[in-house]
Protein backbone atom coordinates (compact mmCIF):
# COMPACT_ATOMS: atom_id res chain seq x y z
CA MET A 1 -3.79 23.80 25.88
CA ASN A 2 -2.01 20.48 26.23
CA LYS A 3 -1.48 17.93 23.45
CA GLU A 4 -4.22 15.61 24.68
CA SER A 5 -6.79 18.42 24.67
CA THR A 6 -5.75 19.49 21.19
CA HIS A 7 -6.19 16.00 19.85
CA ALA A 8 -9.56 15.61 21.58
CA LEU A 9 -10.80 18.84 20.04
CA ARG A 10 -9.63 17.69 16.61
CA VAL A 11 -11.56 14.43 16.91
CA LEU A 12 -14.67 16.37 18.01
CA ALA A 13 -14.23 18.69 15.06
CA GLY A 14 -14.14 15.70 12.73
CA VAL A 15 -17.43 14.43 14.14
CA LEU A 16 -19.09 17.82 13.77
CA ILE A 17 -17.80 18.20 10.22
CA PHE A 18 -19.27 14.86 9.28
CA ALA A 19 -22.65 15.74 10.80
CA THR A 20 -22.95 19.25 9.40
CA VAL A 21 -23.24 20.60 5.85
CA TRP A 22 -21.26 23.80 5.77
CA ALA A 23 -22.79 26.89 4.27
CA ALA A 24 -19.56 28.79 3.72
CA PRO A 25 -19.39 29.65 0.00
CA ALA A 26 -15.61 30.16 0.19
CA ALA A 27 -15.09 26.43 0.74
CA ALA A 28 -16.06 25.55 -2.80
CA ALA A 29 -13.42 27.93 -4.15
CA GLU A 30 -10.58 26.21 -2.33
CA ARG A 31 -8.87 23.02 -3.40
CA LEU A 32 -6.99 21.18 -0.70
CA LEU A 33 -3.96 19.01 -1.41
CA VAL A 34 -3.29 15.83 0.55
CA PHE A 35 0.04 13.99 0.49
CA ALA A 36 -0.57 10.35 1.45
CA ALA A 37 1.49 7.16 1.65
CA GLY A 38 1.05 4.95 -1.42
CA SER A 39 -0.56 2.18 0.62
CA LEU A 40 -3.52 4.49 1.31
CA GLN A 41 -4.64 4.58 -2.33
CA GLY A 42 -8.35 3.99 -2.57
CA SER A 43 -9.14 4.61 1.10
CA VAL A 44 -8.07 8.25 1.23
CA ASP A 45 -9.72 8.88 -2.15
CA GLU A 46 -12.98 7.59 -0.69
CA VAL A 47 -12.60 9.70 2.44
CA ALA A 48 -11.86 12.77 0.32
CA ARG A 49 -15.06 12.28 -1.69
CA ALA A 50 -17.03 11.91 1.54
CA TYR A 51 -15.51 15.15 2.80
CA GLU A 52 -16.58 16.95 -0.35
CA ARG A 53 -20.11 15.55 -0.11
CA ALA A 54 -20.28 16.83 3.47
CA GLY A 55 -19.73 20.36 2.16
CA GLY A 56 -15.97 20.60 2.29
CA ALA A 57 -13.60 21.99 -0.30
CA ARG A 58 -12.45 19.93 -3.26
CA VAL A 59 -9.57 17.60 -2.41
CA THR A 60 -6.69 16.38 -4.57
CA VAL A 61 -4.62 13.46 -3.27
CA SER A 62 -1.01 12.81 -4.26
CA TYR A 63 0.40 9.36 -3.41
CA ALA A 64 4.03 8.31 -3.06
CA ALA A 65 6.40 6.79 -0.52
CA SER A 66 6.21 8.63 2.81
CA SER A 67 9.89 9.53 2.54
CA VAL A 68 9.46 11.10 -0.90
CA LEU A 69 6.50 13.17 0.28
CA ALA A 70 8.31 14.27 3.44
CA ARG A 71 11.25 15.53 1.39
CA GLN A 72 8.87 17.49 -0.83
CA ILE A 73 7.40 19.14 2.26
CA GLU A 74 10.91 20.03 3.40
CA GLN A 75 11.42 21.64 0.01
CA GLY A 76 8.42 23.87 0.57
CA ALA A 77 5.52 21.99 -1.01
CA ALA A 78 2.34 23.78 0.10
CA THR A 79 0.31 20.69 0.90
CA ASP A 80 -2.56 20.85 3.38
CA VAL A 81 -2.48 17.39 5.02
CA TYR A 82 0.30 14.81 5.17
CA VAL A 83 -0.46 11.18 6.05
CA SER A 84 2.66 9.12 6.64
CA ALA A 85 3.17 5.37 6.96
CA SER A 86 6.39 5.99 8.88
CA PRO A 87 6.71 7.70 12.27
CA LYS A 88 10.35 8.31 11.38
CA TRP A 89 9.49 10.75 8.62
CA MET A 90 6.79 12.49 10.64
CA ASP A 91 9.31 12.84 13.49
CA ARG A 92 11.80 14.37 11.10
CA LEU A 93 9.28 16.94 9.87
CA GLU A 94 8.23 17.77 13.41
CA ARG A 95 11.84 18.29 14.52
CA GLY A 96 12.41 20.55 11.52
CA ARG A 97 9.27 22.56 12.32
CA TRP A 98 7.71 21.66 9.01
CA LEU A 99 4.40 20.78 10.72
CA ARG A 100 1.75 23.08 12.16
CA PRO A 101 2.14 22.71 15.95
CA GLY A 102 -0.46 20.57 17.70
CA THR A 103 -1.90 18.97 14.56
CA ARG A 104 -0.07 15.62 14.55
CA GLY A 105 -2.01 12.54 15.62
CA ASN A 106 -2.01 8.75 15.24
CA LEU A 107 -4.46 7.62 12.58
CA LEU A 108 -4.19 3.98 11.44
CA GLY A 109 -2.41 0.66 11.87
CA ASN A 110 -1.58 -2.12 9.42
CA ARG A 111 -0.08 -5.63 9.16
CA LEU A 112 2.70 -7.04 6.98
CA VAL A 113 1.92 -10.08 4.81
CA LEU A 114 3.56 -12.42 2.31
CA VAL A 115 1.66 -12.64 -0.97
CA THR A 116 1.82 -14.69 -4.16
CA PRO A 117 -0.27 -14.77 -7.36
CA ALA A 118 -3.74 -16.06 -6.47
CA ASP A 119 -3.57 -18.97 -8.93
CA ARG A 120 -0.52 -20.49 -7.21
CA ALA A 121 -1.32 -19.81 -3.57
CA ALA A 122 0.04 -22.22 -0.97
CA GLN A 123 0.34 -21.34 2.70
CA VAL A 124 3.81 -20.54 4.04
CA THR A 125 4.68 -20.98 7.71
CA ILE A 126 6.78 -18.02 8.74
CA HIS A 127 9.35 -19.04 11.34
CA THR A 128 13.05 -18.70 12.03
CA GLY A 129 14.98 -19.80 8.95
CA PHE A 130 11.88 -20.43 6.81
CA PRO A 131 12.98 -21.31 3.22
CA LEU A 132 12.01 -18.11 1.42
CA ALA A 133 15.00 -18.26 -0.96
CA ARG A 134 13.97 -21.75 -2.05
CA LEU A 135 10.37 -20.67 -2.49
CA LEU A 136 11.49 -17.90 -4.85
CA ASP A 137 12.97 -20.59 -7.10
CA GLY A 138 15.18 -18.10 -8.95
CA GLY A 139 12.50 -15.40 -9.03
CA ARG A 140 12.40 -12.03 -7.32
CA LEU A 141 10.94 -10.97 -3.99
CA ALA A 142 8.84 -7.85 -4.59
CA MET A 143 8.82 -5.27 -1.80
CA GLY A 144 9.22 -1.57 -1.28
CA ASP A 145 12.82 -0.42 -1.54
CA PRO A 146 14.24 -1.26 1.93
CA GLY A 147 16.43 1.81 1.80
CA TYR A 148 13.64 4.37 2.03
CA VAL A 149 10.11 2.97 1.46
CA PRO A 150 8.44 2.28 4.85
CA ALA A 151 6.90 -1.04 3.74
CA GLY A 152 10.32 -2.16 2.57
CA VAL A 153 11.96 -1.06 5.82
CA TYR A 154 9.39 -3.07 7.80
CA ALA A 155 9.80 -6.07 5.49
CA LYS A 156 13.58 -6.10 5.84
CA ALA A 157 13.28 -5.87 9.62
CA ALA A 158 10.87 -8.82 9.68
CA LEU A 159 13.12 -10.97 7.51
CA GLU A 160 16.10 -10.10 9.70
CA THR A 161 14.11 -11.15 12.75
CA PHE A 162 13.61 -14.59 11.20
CA GLY A 163 17.21 -14.82 9.99
CA VAL A 164 16.44 -15.02 6.28
CA TRP A 165 17.28 -11.54 5.00
CA ARG A 166 20.79 -12.49 3.87
CA THR A 167 19.42 -15.42 1.88
CA VAL A 168 17.17 -13.19 -0.24
CA ALA A 169 18.81 -9.74 -0.17
CA ASN A 170 20.23 -10.20 -3.69
CA ARG A 171 16.84 -11.37 -4.99
CA VAL A 172 14.84 -8.31 -3.93
CA ALA A 173 12.93 -6.32 -6.53
CA GLY A 174 12.76 -3.02 -4.63
CA THR A 175 10.06 -0.62 -5.79
CA PRO A 176 9.47 3.12 -5.24
CA ASP A 177 6.29 2.38 -3.27
CA VAL A 178 4.44 -0.66 -1.94
CA ARG A 179 1.67 -0.62 -4.55
CA ARG A 180 4.22 -1.21 -7.31
CA ALA A 181 5.52 -4.23 -5.41
CA LEU A 182 1.96 -5.50 -5.22
CA ALA A 183 1.58 -5.02 -8.98
CA LEU A 184 4.67 -7.13 -9.70
CA VAL A 185 3.10 -10.05 -7.86
CA ALA A 186 -0.37 -9.47 -9.30
CA ARG A 187 1.04 -9.59 -12.84
CA GLY A 188 3.03 -12.74 -12.10
CA GLU A 189 6.36 -10.95 -12.57
CA ALA A 190 7.45 -11.89 -9.04
CA PRO A 191 6.51 -15.18 -7.36
CA TYR A 192 6.30 -13.60 -3.91
CA GLY A 193 6.06 -10.17 -2.37
CA ILE A 194 5.84 -8.54 1.04
CA VAL A 195 3.18 -5.85 1.28
CA TYR A 196 0.68 -4.46 3.74
CA ALA A 197 -2.44 -6.50 4.47
CA THR A 198 -4.56 -3.68 3.12
CA ASP A 199 -2.74 -3.80 -0.22
CA ALA A 200 -3.39 -7.52 -0.55
CA LYS A 201 -7.07 -6.93 0.25
CA ALA A 202 -7.26 -4.38 -2.57
CA ASP A 203 -6.19 -6.75 -5.37
CA PRO A 204 -7.94 -10.11 -5.98
CA ARG A 205 -5.07 -11.24 -8.21
CA VAL A 206 -2.91 -11.93 -5.16
CA ALA A 207 -3.38 -14.22 -2.17
CA VAL A 208 -2.01 -13.87 1.35
CA VAL A 209 0.04 -16.97 2.19
CA GLY A 210 1.64 -15.77 5.41
CA VAL A 211 1.28 -13.04 8.04
CA PHE A 212 4.33 -11.63 9.79
CA PRO A 213 3.93 -11.43 13.57
CA GLU A 214 3.72 -7.86 14.79
CA HIS A 215 6.72 -8.40 17.08
CA SER A 216 8.96 -9.13 14.08
CA HIS A 217 9.10 -5.52 12.89
CA PRO A 218 8.47 -1.99 14.19
CA SER A 219 4.81 -1.17 14.71
CA ILE A 220 3.16 -0.06 11.45
CA ASP A 221 1.56 3.23 12.40
CA TYR A 222 0.15 5.93 10.16
CA SER A 223 -0.02 9.48 11.45
CA ALA A 224 -1.44 12.67 9.98
CA ALA A 225 -0.69 16.37 10.38
CA VAL A 226 -1.05 19.74 8.69
CA PRO A 227 2.26 20.95 7.19
CA ALA A 228 3.33 24.43 8.24
CA ALA A 229 3.35 25.58 4.61
CA SER A 230 -0.41 25.06 4.19
CA VAL A 231 -2.14 28.32 3.25
CA HIS A 232 -5.72 27.13 3.65
CA ALA A 233 -7.70 27.75 6.83
CA GLU A 234 -9.76 24.66 6.03
CA ALA A 235 -6.77 22.30 6.25
CA GLU A 236 -7.41 21.50 9.91
CA ARG A 237 -11.07 20.78 9.15
CA LEU A 238 -10.00 18.19 6.62
CA LEU A 239 -7.50 16.77 9.10
CA GLY A 240 -10.23 16.46 11.72
CA PHE A 241 -12.47 14.66 9.25
CA LEU A 242 -9.93 11.83 9.05
CA TRP A 243 -11.05 10.82 12.57
CA SER A 244 -14.78 11.25 11.87
CA PRO A 245 -17.14 8.24 12.08
CA LYS A 246 -17.51 8.22 8.29
CA ALA A 247 -13.75 8.18 7.67
CA ARG A 248 -13.18 5.51 10.31
CA THR A 249 -15.78 3.29 8.64
CA VAL A 250 -14.03 3.71 5.28
CA PHE A 251 -10.59 2.90 6.67
CA GLN A 252 -11.89 -0.17 8.49
CA ALA A 253 -13.59 -1.40 5.31
CA HIS A 254 -10.19 -1.23 3.60
CA GLY A 255 -8.64 -3.34 6.33
CA PHE A 256 -6.90 -0.72 8.46
CA ALA A 257 -6.95 -0.67 12.24
CA VAL A 258 -8.08 2.75 13.42
CA ARG A 259 -6.12 4.54 16.12
CA GLU A 260 -6.97 7.19 18.65
CA PRO A 261 -5.15 10.47 17.98
């Protein structure tokens, strides 16, 4: 069976899972573990609860930077589904045969935005040489650590595209995941931050003052797969549910663009 057929079957499985209440008593005894990028907090929790209500096993979700989660999988973590905000880390796991063959698929897309505390919002025109360093006014620029957090990697790339990275590199407050960068801005501890559009949507204490053009950084794509170390037969059912109509509605409500697997 080719890759396209495998993905098509997984999407169909997700639809059937959503529409059917399973009668298998063993499902309730299992607890599935999902590793998900920090920017998916809230949305994946909601999808997990919908999966349980549809008759699936209980689901626990662990959030962190995609890189951190990928390294844990390489160390043998027996997680059942991995959702990454970075194709790089999914590629690495696939090359190392840490993924169950044929289970990887594209899931979501996102945008990169410049945010500031809501009570001081003023629109910023993002263009070559825009005065970000001056806007910081001695403060810090909150963003995921550009060395390993996907949101930070994308942010650095965007700032390099516009020729301003060198002007702010020594003012960056790099965080272990994008949600912590968001929190710094929300609490007023950083005057500006670069986060995903979905993060900004999740916290009314921040306002979006600029949107980075998609051409200014690598495409922000989330993918999902079942790690090879998963011991639960139901793992692929949960993976399929991520593409179900119910899950797609949840992700869209949180601001994500949904992808075809």
